[in-house]
PDB file of N, CA and C in Angstrom:
ATOM      1  N   MET A   1       3.291 -37.095  -6.344  1.00  0.00           N
ATOM      2  CA  MET A   1       4.141 -37.568  -7.076  1.00  0.00           C
ATOM      3  C   MET A   1       4.161 -38.047  -8.478  1.00  0.00           C
ATOM      4  N   PHE A   2       3.397 -38.752  -8.645  1.00  0.00           N
ATOM      5  CA  PHE A   2       2.879 -39.386 -10.220  1.00  0.00           C
ATOM      6  C   PHE A   2       3.375 -37.986 -11.408  1.00  0.00           C
ATOM      7  N   LYS A   3       2.627 -36.808 -11.231  1.00  0.00           N
ATOM      8  CA  LYS A   3       2.557 -36.119 -11.987  1.00  0.00           C
ATOM      9  C   LYS A   3       4.197 -35.507 -12.262  1.00  0.00           C
ATOM     10  N   MET A   4       5.258 -35.312 -10.986  1.00  0.00           N
ATOM     11  CA  MET A   4       6.281 -35.178 -11.389  1.00  0.00           C
ATOM     12  C   MET A   4       7.165 -36.294 -12.210  1.00  0.00           C
ATOM     13  N   GLN A   5       6.590 -37.611 -12.580  1.00  0.00           N
ATOM     14  CA  GLN A   5       7.199 -38.429 -13.036  1.00  0.00           C
ATOM     15  C   GLN A   5       7.151 -38.286 -14.446  1.00  0.00           C
ATOM     16  N   GLN A   6       5.778 -38.038 -14.442  1.00  0.00           N
ATOM     17  CA  GLN A   6       5.329 -37.790 -16.156  1.00  0.00           C
ATOM     18  C   GLN A   6       5.934 -36.533 -16.565  1.00  0.00           C
ATOM     19  N   LEU A   7       6.180 -35.397 -15.830  1.00  0.00           N
ATOM     20  CA  LEU A   7       7.149 -34.457 -16.062  1.00  0.00           C
ATOM     21  C   LEU A   7       8.583 -34.769 -16.741  1.00  0.00           C
ATOM     22  N   LEU A   8       9.424 -35.077 -15.529  1.00  0.00           N
ATOM     23  CA  LEU A   8      10.282 -36.141 -16.053  1.00  0.00           C
ATOM     24  C   LEU A   8      10.470 -37.306 -17.390  1.00  0.00           C
ATOM     25  N   ASN A   9       9.433 -38.050 -17.165  1.00  0.00           N
ATOM     26  CA  ASN A   9       9.447 -38.772 -18.537  1.00  0.00           C
ATOM     27  C   ASN A   9       9.017 -37.545 -20.375  1.00  0.00           C
ATOM     28  N   ARG A  10       8.689 -36.666 -19.853  1.00  0.00           N
ATOM     29  CA  ARG A  10       8.832 -35.465 -21.001  1.00  0.00           C
ATOM     30  C   ARG A  10      10.034 -35.443 -21.904  1.00  0.00           C
ATOM     31  N   GLY A  11      10.901 -35.077 -20.816  1.00  0.00           N
ATOM     32  CA  GLY A  11      12.154 -34.718 -21.174  1.00  0.00           C
ATOM     33  C   GLY A  11      12.435 -33.453 -20.171  1.00  0.00           C
ATOM     34  N   PRO A  12      13.571 -32.915 -21.329  1.00  0.00           N
ATOM     35  CA  PRO A  12      14.038 -31.231 -20.303  1.00  0.00           C
ATOM     36  C   PRO A  12      13.342 -30.423 -20.872  1.00  0.00           C
ATOM     37  N   PRO A  13      13.018 -30.081 -21.839  1.00  0.00           N
ATOM     38  CA  PRO A  13      12.596 -28.504 -22.042  1.00  0.00           C
ATOM     39  C   PRO A  13      11.318 -28.150 -21.268  1.00  0.00           C
ATOM     40  N   HIS A  14      10.284 -29.650 -21.251  1.00  0.00           N
ATOM     41  CA  HIS A  14       8.838 -29.326 -20.138  1.00  0.00           C
ATOM     42  C   HIS A  14       9.212 -29.261 -18.930  1.00  0.00           C
ATOM     43  N   LEU A  15      10.450 -30.312 -18.348  1.00  0.00           N
ATOM     44  CA  LEU A  15      10.822 -29.643 -16.885  1.00  0.00           C
ATOM     45  C   LEU A  15      11.236 -28.102 -16.499  1.00  0.00           C
ATOM     46  N   ILE A  16      11.837 -27.652 -17.481  1.00  0.00           N
ATOM     47  CA  ILE A  16      12.700 -26.853 -17.446  1.00  0.00           C
ATOM     48  C   ILE A  16      11.425 -25.571 -17.308  1.00  0.00           C
ATOM     49  N   LEU A  17      10.499 -25.919 -18.503  1.00  0.00           N
ATOM     50  CA  LEU A  17       9.499 -24.615 -18.368  1.00  0.00           C
ATOM     51  C   LEU A  17       8.589 -24.503 -17.005  1.00  0.00           C
ATOM     52  N   SER A  18       8.344 -26.047 -16.484  1.00  0.00           N
ATOM     53  CA  SER A  18       7.760 -26.226 -15.668  1.00  0.00           C
ATOM     54  C   SER A  18       8.505 -25.468 -14.267  1.00  0.00           C
ATOM     55  N   LEU A  19      10.017 -25.748 -13.953  1.00  0.00           N
ATOM     56  CA  LEU A  19       9.957 -25.318 -13.026  1.00  0.00           C
ATOM     57  C   LEU A  19      10.183 -23.702 -13.126  1.00  0.00           C
ATOM     58  N   MET A  20      10.394 -23.280 -14.664  1.00  0.00           N
ATOM     59  CA  MET A  20      10.210 -21.458 -14.558  1.00  0.00           C
ATOM     60  C   MET A  20       9.244 -21.142 -14.071  1.00  0.00           C
ATOM     61  N   MET A  21       8.177 -21.874 -14.582  1.00  0.00           N
ATOM     62  CA  MET A  21       6.662 -21.548 -14.057  1.00  0.00           C
ATOM     63  C   MET A  21       6.327 -21.565 -12.696  1.00  0.00           C
ATOM     64  N   LEU A  22       7.061 -21.996 -12.576  1.00  0.00           N
ATOM     65  CA  LEU A  22       6.882 -22.479 -10.528  1.00  0.00           C
ATOM     66  C   LEU A  22       7.799 -21.408 -10.024  1.00  0.00           C
ATOM     67  N   GLY A  23       8.918 -20.838 -10.469  1.00  0.00           N
ATOM     68  CA  GLY A  23       8.964 -20.067  -9.777  1.00  0.00           C
ATOM     69  C   GLY A  23       8.662 -18.930 -10.101  1.00  0.00           C
ATOM     70  N   PHE A  24       8.022 -18.474 -11.442  1.00  0.00           N
ATOM     71  CA  PHE A  24       7.427 -17.051 -11.269  1.00  0.00           C
ATOM     72  C   PHE A  24       6.412 -17.363 -10.960  1.00  0.00           C
ATOM     73  N   ILE A  25       5.644 -18.310 -10.226  1.00  0.00           N
ATOM     74  CA  ILE A  25       4.434 -17.896  -9.253  1.00  0.00           C
ATOM     75  C   ILE A  25       4.891 -18.168  -7.646  1.00  0.00           C
ATOM     76  N   THR A  26       5.910 -18.745  -7.100  1.00  0.00           N
ATOM     77  CA  THR A  26       5.965 -18.346  -6.146  1.00  0.00           C
ATOM     78  C   THR A  26       6.677 -16.810  -6.095  1.00  0.00           C
ATOM     79  N   LEU A  27       7.751 -16.356  -6.766  1.00  0.00           N
ATOM     80  CA  LEU A  27       8.243 -14.716  -6.373  1.00  0.00           C
ATOM     81  C   LEU A  27       6.963 -13.610  -6.776  1.00  0.00           C
ATOM     82  N   THR A  28       6.058 -14.136  -7.838  1.00  0.00           N
ATOM     83  CA  THR A  28       4.979 -13.047  -7.646  1.00  0.00           C
ATOM     84  C   THR A  28       4.137 -13.192  -6.221  1.00  0.00           C
ATOM     85  N   ALA A  29       3.754 -14.212  -5.867  1.00  0.00           N
ATOM     86  CA  ALA A  29       2.926 -14.784  -4.733  1.00  0.00           C
ATOM     87  C   ALA A  29       3.459 -13.840  -3.876  1.00  0.00           C
ATOM     88  N   GLY A  30       4.610 -14.426  -3.476  1.00  0.00           N
ATOM     89  CA  GLY A  30       5.735 -13.802  -1.931  1.00  0.00           C
ATOM     90  C   GLY A  30       5.516 -12.290  -1.761  1.00  0.00           C
ATOM     91  N   SER A  31       5.832 -10.990  -3.291  1.00  0.00           N
ATOM     92  CA  SER A  31       5.862 -10.035  -3.236  1.00  0.00           C
ATOM     93  C   SER A  31       4.705  -9.698  -2.587  1.00  0.00           C
ATOM     94  N   TYR A  32       3.161 -10.573  -2.528  1.00  0.00           N
ATOM     95  CA  TYR A  32       1.740  -9.340  -1.743  1.00  0.00           C
ATOM     96  C   TYR A  32       1.942  -9.624  -0.312  1.00  0.00           C
ATOM     97  N   LEU A  33       2.932 -11.049   0.404  1.00  0.00           N
ATOM     98  CA  LEU A  33       2.713 -11.184   1.210  1.00  0.00           C
ATOM     99  C   LEU A  33       3.680 -10.477   2.325  1.00  0.00           C
ATOM    100  N   ARG A  34       4.896  -9.543   1.463  1.00  0.00           N
ATOM    101  CA  ARG A  34       5.878  -9.267   2.689  1.00  0.00           C
ATOM    102  C   ARG A  34       5.101  -7.760   2.637  1.00  0.00           C
ATOM    103  N   PRO A  35       5.406  -7.053   3.985  1.00  0.00           N
ATOM    104  CA  PRO A  35       5.383  -5.341   3.939  1.00  0.00           C
ATOM    105  C   PRO A  35       6.314  -5.000   3.080  1.00  0.00           C
ATOM    106  N   GLY A  36       6.184  -3.894   2.098  1.00  0.00           N
ATOM    107  CA  GLY A  36       6.860  -2.913   1.767  1.00  0.00           C
ATOM    108  C   GLY A  36       7.936  -2.170   2.385  1.00  0.00           C
ATOM    109  N   THR A  37       8.216  -1.583   3.237  1.00  0.00           N
ATOM    110  CA  THR A  37       8.568  -0.928   4.043  1.00  0.00           C
ATOM    111  C   THR A  37       8.536  -0.909   6.145  1.00  0.00           C
ATOM    112  N   VAL A  38       9.624  -1.175   6.566  1.00  0.00           N
ATOM    113  CA  VAL A  38       9.145  -1.232   7.865  1.00  0.00           C
ATOM    114  C   VAL A  38       9.876   0.002   8.349  1.00  0.00           C
ATOM    115  N   ARG A  39       9.020   0.922   8.963  1.00  0.00           N
ATOM    116  CA  ARG A  39       9.548   2.173   9.663  1.00  0.00           C
ATOM    117  C   ARG A  39       9.945   1.774  10.722  1.00  0.00           C
ATOM    118  N   LEU A  40      11.434   2.703  11.617  1.00  0.00           N
ATOM    119  CA  LEU A  40      11.228   2.396  13.126  1.00  0.00           C
ATOM    120  C   LEU A  40      10.703   3.677  13.674  1.00  0.00           C
ATOM    121  N   LYS A  41      10.026   3.250  14.918  1.00  0.00           N
ATOM    122  CA  LYS A  41       9.568   4.590  15.509  1.00  0.00           C
ATOM    123  C   LYS A  41      10.277   4.572  16.941  1.00  0.00           C
ATOM    124  N   CYS A  42      11.504   4.672  17.358  1.00  0.00           N
ATOM    125  CA  CYS A  42      12.283   4.762  18.118  1.00  0.00           C
ATOM    126  C   CYS A  42      13.199   5.949  18.186  1.00  0.00           C
ATOM    127  N   CYS A  43      14.080   5.584  19.591  1.00  0.00           N
ATOM    128  CA  CYS A  43      15.122   7.330  19.104  1.00  0.00           C
ATOM    129  C   CYS A  43      16.247   6.697  19.328  1.00  0.00           C
ATOM    130  N   GLU A  44      16.917   6.890  18.949  1.00  0.00           N
ATOM    131  CA  GLU A  44      18.751   6.544  18.195  1.00  0.00           C
ATOM    132  C   GLU A  44      19.313   7.500  19.064  1.00  0.00           C
ATOM    133  N   SER A  45      19.555   8.619  19.262  1.00  0.00           N
ATOM    134  CA  SER A  45      20.028   9.395  20.683  1.00  0.00           C
ATOM    135  C   SER A  45      18.910   9.629  21.437  1.00  0.00           C
ATOM    136  N   VAL A  46      19.381  10.519  22.758  1.00  0.00           N
ATOM    137  CA  VAL A  46      18.995  10.971  23.731  1.00  0.00           C
ATOM    138  C   VAL A  46      19.141  12.290  23.984  1.00  0.00           C
ATOM    139  N   SER A  47      18.537  13.341  25.054  1.00  0.00           N
ATOM    140  CA  SER A  47      19.111  14.047  25.545  1.00  0.00           C
ATOM    141  C   SER A  47      18.938  14.302  26.878  1.00  0.00           C
ATOM    142  N   ARG A  48      19.545  15.218  27.759  1.00  0.00           N
ATOM    143  CA  ARG A  48      19.718  15.016  29.403  1.00  0.00           C
ATOM    144  C   ARG A  48      19.200  16.875  29.907  1.00  0.00           C
ATOM    145  N   LYS A  49      18.845  17.496  28.375  1.00  0.00           N
ATOM    146  CA  LYS A  49      18.130  18.510  28.657  1.00  0.00           C
ATOM    147  C   LYS A  49      17.124  18.543  29.220  1.00  0.00           C
ATOM    148  N   ASN A  50      16.706  19.450  30.353  1.00  0.00           N
ATOM    149  CA  ASN A  50      15.442  19.056  31.418  1.00  0.00           C
ATOM    150  C   ASN A  50      14.402  20.731  29.817  1.00  0.00           C
ATOM    151  N   PHE A  51      13.899  20.239  29.813  1.00  0.00           N
ATOM    152  CA  PHE A  51      11.917  21.029  29.348  1.00  0.00           C
ATOM    153  C   PHE A  51      11.199  21.394  30.201  1.00  0.00           C
ATOM    154  N   SER A  52      10.493  22.441  29.649  1.00  0.00           N
ATOM    155  CA  SER A  52       9.325  22.591  30.380  1.00  0.00           C
ATOM    156  C   SER A  52       7.809  22.397  30.140  1.00  0.00           C
ATOM    157  N   PHE A  53       7.889  21.626  29.037  1.00  0.00           N
ATOM    158  CA  PHE A  53       6.574  21.400  28.226  1.00  0.00           C
ATOM    159  C   PHE A  53       5.750  20.402  29.170  1.00  0.00           C
ATOM    160  N   ASP A  54       4.738  20.047  28.857  1.00  0.00           N
ATOM    161  CA  ASP A  54       3.528  19.152  29.327  1.00  0.00           C
ATOM    162  C   ASP A  54       3.419  17.514  29.451  1.00  0.00           C
ATOM    163  N   ILE A  55       4.274  17.013  29.805  1.00  0.00           N
ATOM    164  CA  ILE A  55       3.792  15.658  29.719  1.00  0.00           C
ATOM    165  C   ILE A  55       2.767  15.012  29.608  1.00  0.00           C
ATOM    166  N   LYS A  56       2.149  14.308  28.755  1.00  0.00           N
ATOM    167  CA  LYS A  56       0.729  13.251  29.004  1.00  0.00           C
ATOM    168  C   LYS A  56       0.839  12.077  28.898  1.00  0.00           C
ATOM    169  N   ARG A  57       2.158  11.426  28.845  1.00  0.00           N
ATOM    170  CA  ARG A  57       2.780  10.333  29.362  1.00  0.00           C
ATOM    171  C   ARG A  57       3.823   9.667  28.486  1.00  0.00           C
ATOM    172  N   TYR A  58       4.295   8.777  29.093  1.00  0.00           N
ATOM    173  CA  TYR A  58       5.474   8.444  29.206  1.00  0.00           C
ATOM    174  C   TYR A  58       5.716   6.590  28.373  1.00  0.00           C
ATOM    175  N   ARG A  59       6.532   6.547  28.169  1.00  0.00           N
ATOM    176  CA  ARG A  59       7.146   4.896  27.837  1.00  0.00           C
ATOM    177  C   ARG A  59       8.813   4.787  27.731  1.00  0.00           C
ATOM    178  N   ILE A  60       8.985   3.358  28.383  1.00  0.00           N
ATOM    179  CA  ILE A  60      10.573   3.124  28.262  1.00  0.00           C
ATOM    180  C   ILE A  60      11.097   2.453  27.167  1.00  0.00           C
ATOM    181  N   GLN A  61      11.964   2.463  26.726  1.00  0.00           N
ATOM    182  CA  GLN A  61      12.243   2.071  25.618  1.00  0.00           C
ATOM    183  C   GLN A  61      13.551   0.988  25.626  1.00  0.00           C
ATOM    184  N   HIS A  62      13.740   0.045  25.494  1.00  0.00           N
ATOM    185  CA  HIS A  62      15.276  -0.454  26.065  1.00  0.00           C
ATOM    186  C   HIS A  62      15.757  -0.562  24.665  1.00  0.00           C
ATOM    187  N   GLU A  63      16.620  -0.918  24.921  1.00  0.00           N
ATOM    188  CA  GLU A  63      18.331  -0.643  23.823  1.00  0.00           C
ATOM    189  C   GLU A  63      17.951  -2.275  22.847  1.00  0.00           C
ATOM    190  N   MET A  64      17.706  -1.256  21.516  1.00  0.00           N
ATOM    191  CA  MET A  64      17.864  -2.747  20.305  1.00  0.00           C
ATOM    192  C   MET A  64      18.450  -1.765  19.307  1.00  0.00           C
ATOM    193  N   LYS A  65      19.536  -2.327  19.174  1.00  0.00           N
ATOM    194  CA  LYS A  65      19.804  -1.175  18.162  1.00  0.00           C
ATOM    195  C   LYS A  65      19.158  -0.970  16.574  1.00  0.00           C
ATOM    196  N   PRO A  66      19.180  -0.027  15.589  1.00  0.00           N
ATOM    197  CA  PRO A  66      19.616   1.405  16.270  1.00  0.00           C
ATOM    198  C   PRO A  66      19.203   1.829  17.583  1.00  0.00           C
ATOM    199  N   CYS A  67      18.207   1.808  17.666  1.00  0.00           N
ATOM    200  CA  CYS A  67      17.491   1.787  19.164  1.00  0.00           C
ATOM    201  C   CYS A  67      18.211   1.764  20.255  1.00  0.00           C
ATOM    202  N   VAL A  68      18.162   3.127  21.018  1.00  0.00           N
ATOM    203  CA  VAL A  68      19.081   3.118  22.496  1.00  0.00           C
ATOM    204  C   VAL A  68      18.148   3.706  23.745  1.00  0.00           C
ATOM    205  N   LYS A  69      18.321   2.843  25.137  1.00  0.00           N
ATOM    206  CA  LYS A  69      17.778   3.200  25.783  1.00  0.00           C
ATOM    207  C   LYS A  69      17.392   4.680  26.213  1.00  0.00           C
ATOM    208  N   ALA A  70      16.292   4.788  26.287  1.00  0.00           N
ATOM    209  CA  ALA A  70      15.743   5.820  26.865  1.00  0.00           C
ATOM    210  C   ALA A  70      14.024   5.949  27.265  1.00  0.00           C
ATOM    211  N   ILE A  71      13.711   7.129  27.468  1.00  0.00           N
ATOM    212  CA  ILE A  71      12.597   7.301  28.504  1.00  0.00           C
ATOM    213  C   ILE A  71      11.581   8.522  27.449  1.00  0.00           C
ATOM    214  N   ILE A  72      10.759   8.142  27.174  1.00  0.00           N
ATOM    215  CA  ILE A  72      10.097   8.552  25.562  1.00  0.00           C
ATOM    216  C   ILE A  72       9.070   9.620  26.729  1.00  0.00           C
ATOM    217  N   LEU A  73       8.878  11.351  26.490  1.00  0.00           N
ATOM    218  CA  LEU A  73       8.598  11.614  27.158  1.00  0.00           C
ATOM    219  C   LEU A  73       7.311  12.077  25.920  1.00  0.00           C
ATOM    220  N   TYR A  74       6.215  11.917  26.362  1.00  0.00           N
ATOM    221  CA  TYR A  74       5.235  12.513  25.039  1.00  0.00           C
ATOM    222  C   TYR A  74       4.325  14.099  25.438  1.00  0.00           C
ATOM    223  N   THR A  75       4.971  15.010  25.164  1.00  0.00           N
ATOM    224  CA  THR A  75       4.689  16.103  25.774  1.00  0.00           C
ATOM    225  C   THR A  75       3.222  16.873  24.783  1.00  0.00           C
ATOM    226  N   LYS A  76       2.507  17.294  24.862  1.00  0.00           N
ATOM    227  CA  LYS A  76       1.427  18.684  24.199  1.00  0.00           C
ATOM    228  C   LYS A  76       1.919  18.928  23.125  1.00  0.00           C
ATOM    229  N   GLU A  77       3.165  20.188  23.201  1.00  0.00           N
ATOM    230  CA  GLU A  77       3.275  21.072  22.773  1.00  0.00           C
ATOM    231  C   GLU A  77       4.882  20.471  21.567  1.00  0.00           C
ATOM    232  N   LYS A  78       5.168  19.334  22.224  1.00  0.00           N
ATOM    233  CA  LYS A  78       6.018  19.480  21.006  1.00  0.00           C
ATOM    234  C   LYS A  78       6.213  17.222  20.426  1.00  0.00           C
ATOM    235  N   GLY A  79       5.362  16.745  21.024  1.00  0.00           N
ATOM    236  CA  GLY A  79       4.673  15.348  20.599  1.00  0.00           C
ATOM    237  C   GLY A  79       6.054  14.551  21.728  1.00  0.00           C
ATOM    238  N   PRO A  80       6.566  13.056  20.698  1.00  0.00           N
ATOM    239  CA  PRO A  80       7.277  12.786  21.968  1.00  0.00           C
ATOM    240  C   PRO A  80       8.915  13.433  21.422  1.00  0.00           C
ATOM    241  N   LEU A  81       9.770  13.066  23.248  1.00  0.00           N
ATOM    242  CA  LEU A  81      11.267  13.482  22.762  1.00  0.00           C
ATOM    243  C   LEU A  81      11.732  12.548  23.893  1.00  0.00           C
ATOM    244  N   CYS A  82      13.205  12.553  23.119  1.00  0.00           N
ATOM    245  CA  CYS A  82      13.499  11.045  23.953  1.00  0.00           C
ATOM    246  C   CYS A  82      14.965  11.691  24.999  1.00  0.00           C
ATOM    247  N   THR A  83      14.659  11.340  25.822  1.00  0.00           N
ATOM    248  CA  THR A  83      15.476  11.565  27.047  1.00  0.00           C
ATOM    249  C   THR A  83      16.285  10.790  27.667  1.00  0.00           C
ATOM    250  N   HIS A  84      17.622  10.890  28.176  1.00  0.00           N
ATOM    251  CA  HIS A  84      17.784   9.974  28.860  1.00  0.00           C
ATOM    252  C   HIS A  84      17.660   9.414  29.888  1.00  0.00           C
ATOM    253  N   PRO A  85      17.515   7.947  30.443  1.00  0.00           N
ATOM    254  CA  PRO A  85      17.129   7.332  31.236  1.00  0.00           C
ATOM    255  C   PRO A  85      17.662   7.540  32.977  1.00  0.00           C
ATOM    256  N   LYS A  86      19.223   8.153  32.554  1.00  0.00           N
ATOM    257  CA  LYS A  86      19.843   8.480  34.297  1.00  0.00           C
ATOM    258  C   LYS A  86      19.659   9.829  34.357  1.00  0.00           C
ATOM    259  N   ALA A  87      19.253  10.788  33.622  1.00  0.00           N
ATOM    260  CA  ALA A  87      19.145  12.238  33.944  1.00  0.00           C
ATOM    261  C   ALA A  87      18.174  12.472  35.111  1.00  0.00           C
ATOM    262  N   ARG A  88      18.621  13.224  35.808  1.00  0.00           N
ATOM    263  CA  ARG A  88      18.453  13.541  36.963  1.00  0.00           C
ATOM    264  C   ARG A  88      17.112  13.700  37.550  1.00  0.00           C
ATOM    265  N   TRP A  89      16.401  14.534  36.489  1.00  0.00           N
ATOM    266  CA  TRP A  89      15.106  15.343  36.205  1.00  0.00           C
ATOM    267  C   TRP A  89      13.838  14.588  36.190  1.00  0.00           C
ATOM    268  N   VAL A  90      14.479  13.657  35.070  1.00  0.00           N
ATOM    269  CA  VAL A  90      13.127  12.746  34.245  1.00  0.00           C
ATOM    270  C   VAL A  90      12.303  11.909  35.410  1.00  0.00           C
ATOM    271  N   PRO A  91      13.058  11.372  36.750  1.00  0.00           N
ATOM    272  CA  PRO A  91      12.269  10.790  37.078  1.00  0.00           C
ATOM    273  C   PRO A  91      11.463  11.805  37.851  1.00  0.00           C
ATOM    274  N   LYS A  92      11.862  12.383  38.520  1.00  0.00           N
ATOM    275  CA  LYS A  92      10.878  13.999  39.256  1.00  0.00           C
ATOM    276  C   LYS A  92       9.402  14.237  38.200  1.00  0.00           C
ATOM    277  N   LYS A  93       9.924  14.203  36.892  1.00  0.00           N
ATOM    278  CA  LYS A  93       8.505  14.781  35.900  1.00  0.00           C
ATOM    279  C   LYS A  93       7.685  13.316  35.310  1.00  0.00           C
ATOM    280  N   ILE A  94       8.191  12.326  36.177  1.00  0.00           N
ATOM    281  CA  ILE A  94       7.390  10.970  35.937  1.00  0.00           C
ATOM    282  C   ILE A  94       6.180  11.264  36.977  1.00  0.00           C
ATOM    283  N   LYS A  95       7.315  11.151  38.043  1.00  0.00           N
ATOM    284  CA  LYS A  95       6.896  11.396  39.394  1.00  0.00           C
ATOM    285  C   LYS A  95       5.010  11.855  39.831  1.00  0.00           C
ATOM    286  N   LYS A  96       5.639  13.425  39.030  1.00  0.00           N
ATOM    287  CA  LYS A  96       4.715  14.303  38.964  1.00  0.00           C
ATOM    288  C   LYS A  96       3.474  14.055  37.499  1.00  0.00           C
ATOM    289  N   LEU A  97       3.603  13.561  36.589  1.00  0.00           N
ATOM    290  CA  LEU A  97       2.807  13.010  36.155  1.00  0.00           C
ATOM    291  C   LEU A  97       1.345  11.692  36.880  1.00  0.00           C
ATOM    292  N   LEU A  98       2.631  11.254  37.418  1.00  0.00           N
ATOM    293  CA  LEU A  98       1.690  10.006  38.061  1.00  0.00           C
ATOM    294  C   LEU A  98       0.907  10.176  39.349  1.00  0.00           C
ATOM    295  N   SER A  99       1.727  11.859  39.975  1.00  0.00           N
ATOM    296  CA  SER A  99       0.656  12.036  41.122  1.00  0.00           C
ATOM    297  C   SER A  99      -0.479  12.699  40.014  1.00  0.00           C
ATOM    298  N   ALA A 100      -0.025  13.839  39.112  1.00  0.00           N
ATOM    299  CA  ALA A 100      -1.558  14.581  38.646  1.00  0.00           C
ATOM    300  C   ALA A 100      -2.771  13.639  38.449  1.00  0.00           C
ATOM    301  N   ALA A 101      -2.452  12.508  37.746  1.00  0.00           N
ATOM    302  CA  ALA A 101      -3.324  11.332  37.604  1.00  0.00           C
ATOM    303  C   ALA A 101      -3.929  10.782  38.962  1.00  0.00           C
ATOM    304  N   ARG A 102      -3.444  11.214  40.378  1.00  0.00           N
ATOM    305  CA  ARG A 102      -4.524  10.464  40.992  1.00  0.00           C
ATOM    306  C   ARG A 102      -4.318   9.034  41.255  1.00  0.00           C
ATOM    307  N   LEU A 103      -2.704   8.666  41.405  1.00  0.00           N
ATOM    308  CA  LEU A 103      -3.080   6.978  41.891  1.00  0.00           C
ATOM    309  C   LEU A 103      -2.261   7.149  42.847  1.00  0.00           C
ATOM    310  N   PRO A 104      -2.743   6.020  43.757  1.00  0.00           N
ATOM    311  CA  PRO A 104      -2.391   5.650  45.109  1.00  0.00           C
ATOM    312  C   PRO A 104      -0.849   5.692  45.258  1.00  0.00           C
ATOM    313  N   GLN A 105      -0.350   6.035  46.483  1.00  0.00           N
ATOM    314  CA  GLN A 105       1.013   6.754  46.542  1.00  0.00           C
ATOM    315  C   GLN A 105       1.847   5.617  46.319  1.00  0.00           C
ATOM    316  N   SER A 106       1.421   4.171  46.892  1.00  0.00           N
ATOM    317  CA  SER A 106       1.724   3.010  46.905  1.00  0.00           C
ATOM    318  C   SER A 106       2.346   2.378  45.683  1.00  0.00           C
ATOM    319  N   LEU A 107       1.318   2.537  44.527  1.00  0.00           N
ATOM    320  CA  LEU A 107       1.255   2.346  43.079  1.00  0.00           C
ATOM    321  C   LEU A 107       2.592   3.098  42.429  1.00  0.00           C
ATOM    322  N   ILE A 108       2.375   4.588  43.027  1.00  0.00           N
ATOM    323  CA  ILE A 108       3.603   5.238  42.530  1.00  0.00           C
ATOM    324  C   ILE A 108       4.786   4.994  42.780  1.00  0.00           C
ATOM    325  N   GLU A 109       5.268   4.626  43.990  1.00  0.00           N
ATOM    326  CA  GLU A 109       6.540   4.001  44.658  1.00  0.00           C
ATOM    327  C   GLU A 109       6.718   2.855  44.101  1.00  0.00           C
ATOM    328  N   PHE A 110       5.963   2.250  43.798  1.00  0.00           N
ATOM    329  CA  PHE A 110       6.120   1.021  43.065  1.00  0.00           C
ATOM    330  C   PHE A 110       6.475   0.901  41.310  1.00  0.00           C
ATOM    331  N   LEU A 111       6.055   1.842  41.035  1.00  0.00           N
ATOM    332  CA  LEU A 111       6.722   2.037  39.647  1.00  0.00           C
ATOM    333  C   LEU A 111       7.805   3.177  39.501  1.00  0.00           C
ATOM    334  N   HIS A 112       8.670   2.969  40.482  1.00  0.00           N
ATOM    335  CA  HIS A 112       9.934   3.722  40.275  1.00  0.00           C
ATOM    336  C   HIS A 112      10.715   2.763  41.323  1.00  0.00           C
TER     337      HIS A 112
END
């Protein structure tokens, strides 16, 4: 508070210069704290088309614009594929994947 009063007593040129320096320091320091770009890794569209690729794992994606509700199936051959959650074949693929993982049947039924 005492330094601010000293700045005000010196007159407007010192105040303006000090405020400009403070603004410059704030802007340049702030640019190092923010990420440059954030890339979304989500499904923006889905397919109902069945495929014959081997599935390694899956993930449920909830809708949050621009991402849509989807089941992401990670395949060995093609990588992640965005599938429609209500496609009839999707639960069968997931059940087959969980069965191959040798999980107890009660856990497989619980997950569906």
